[in-house]
Amino acid sequence: MYLVNGTIFELSQSMFHYEKTKLLNQINFK
């Protein structure tokens, strides 16, 4: 159970990082 929760956490963390990077790139290219 812990392993599954850890995987979901890692996934959401990387998704958040990806969205943040995308947002920063949009700001930088303006």
N, C-alpha and C. Protein backbone atom coordinates (compact mmCIF):
# COMPACT_ATOMS: atom_id res chain seq x y z
N MET A 1 0.84 -1.20 0.00
CA MET A 1 0.00 0.00 0.00
C MET A 1 0.88 1.26 0.00
N TYR A 2 1.89 1.22 0.83
CA TYR A 2 2.78 2.39 0.90
C TYR A 2 3.46 2.64 -0.44
N LEU A 3 3.82 1.54 -1.11
CA LEU A 3 4.51 1.65 -2.40
C LEU A 3 3.62 2.36 -3.42
N VAL A 4 2.33 2.00 -3.43
CA VAL A 4 1.39 2.61 -4.37
C VAL A 4 1.25 4.10 -4.08
N ASN A 5 1.09 4.44 -2.80
CA ASN A 5 0.96 5.85 -2.43
C ASN A 5 2.23 6.61 -2.79
N GLY A 6 3.38 5.99 -2.61
CA GLY A 6 4.65 6.63 -2.95
C GLY A 6 4.73 6.91 -4.44
N THR A 7 4.27 5.94 -5.25
CA THR A 7 4.30 6.11 -6.70
C THR A 7 3.39 7.25 -7.14
N ILE A 8 2.19 7.30 -6.56
CA ILE A 8 1.24 8.36 -6.89
C ILE A 8 1.82 9.71 -6.49
N PHE A 9 2.47 9.75 -5.33
CA PHE A 9 3.09 10.99 -4.86
C PHE A 9 4.19 11.44 -5.82
N GLU A 10 5.05 10.50 -6.22
CA GLU A 10 6.13 10.81 -7.16
C GLU A 10 5.55 11.33 -8.47
N LEU A 11 4.48 10.70 -8.93
CA LEU A 11 3.85 11.07 -10.19
C LEU A 11 3.31 12.49 -10.12
N SER A 12 2.60 12.80 -9.02
CA SER A 12 2.02 14.13 -8.87
C SER A 12 3.12 15.18 -8.71
N GLN A 13 4.21 14.81 -8.04
CA GLN A 13 5.33 15.74 -7.87
C GLN A 13 5.95 16.08 -9.23
N SER A 14 6.19 15.06 -10.06
CA SER A 14 6.80 15.30 -11.37
C SER A 14 5.85 16.05 -12.28
N MET A 15 4.54 15.78 -12.17
CA MET A 15 3.56 16.51 -12.97
C MET A 15 3.55 17.98 -12.56
N PHE A 16 3.60 18.24 -11.25
CA PHE A 16 3.63 19.61 -10.75
C PHE A 16 4.89 20.31 -11.24
N HIS A 17 6.02 19.62 -11.20
CA HIS A 17 7.29 20.19 -11.66
C HIS A 17 7.21 20.51 -13.15
N TYR A 18 6.58 19.60 -13.93
CA TYR A 18 6.45 19.79 -15.37
C TYR A 18 5.59 21.02 -15.67
N GLU A 19 4.46 21.14 -14.96
CA GLU A 19 3.57 22.28 -15.16
C GLU A 19 4.27 23.58 -14.79
N LYS A 20 5.03 23.56 -13.68
CA LYS A 20 5.74 24.74 -13.22
C LYS A 20 6.79 25.16 -14.25
N THR A 21 7.51 24.17 -14.80
CA THR A 21 8.53 24.46 -15.80
C THR A 21 7.90 25.04 -17.06
N LYS A 22 6.76 24.47 -17.46
CA LYS A 22 6.05 24.95 -18.65
C LYS A 22 5.63 26.40 -18.45
N LEU A 23 5.12 26.69 -17.25
CA LEU A 23 4.67 28.04 -16.94
C LEU A 23 5.86 29.01 -16.96
N LEU A 24 6.98 28.61 -16.37
CA LEU A 24 8.17 29.45 -16.35
C LEU A 24 8.67 29.70 -17.76
N ASN A 25 8.62 28.68 -18.62
CA ASN A 25 9.06 28.83 -20.00
C ASN A 25 8.18 29.83 -20.74
N GLN A 26 6.86 29.78 -20.50
CA GLN A 26 5.94 30.71 -21.14
C GLN A 26 6.27 32.14 -20.72
N ILE A 27 6.57 32.33 -19.44
CA ILE A 27 6.89 33.67 -18.93
C ILE A 27 8.21 34.15 -19.54
N ASN A 28 9.20 33.25 -19.64
CA ASN A 28 10.51 33.63 -20.15
C ASN A 28 10.47 34.00 -21.63
N PHE A 29 9.60 33.36 -22.39
CA PHE A 29 9.58 33.57 -23.83
C PHE A 29 8.73 34.78 -24.24
N LYS A 30 8.06 35.40 -23.27
CA LYS A 30 7.23 36.56 -23.61
C LYS A 30 8.12 37.77 -23.88
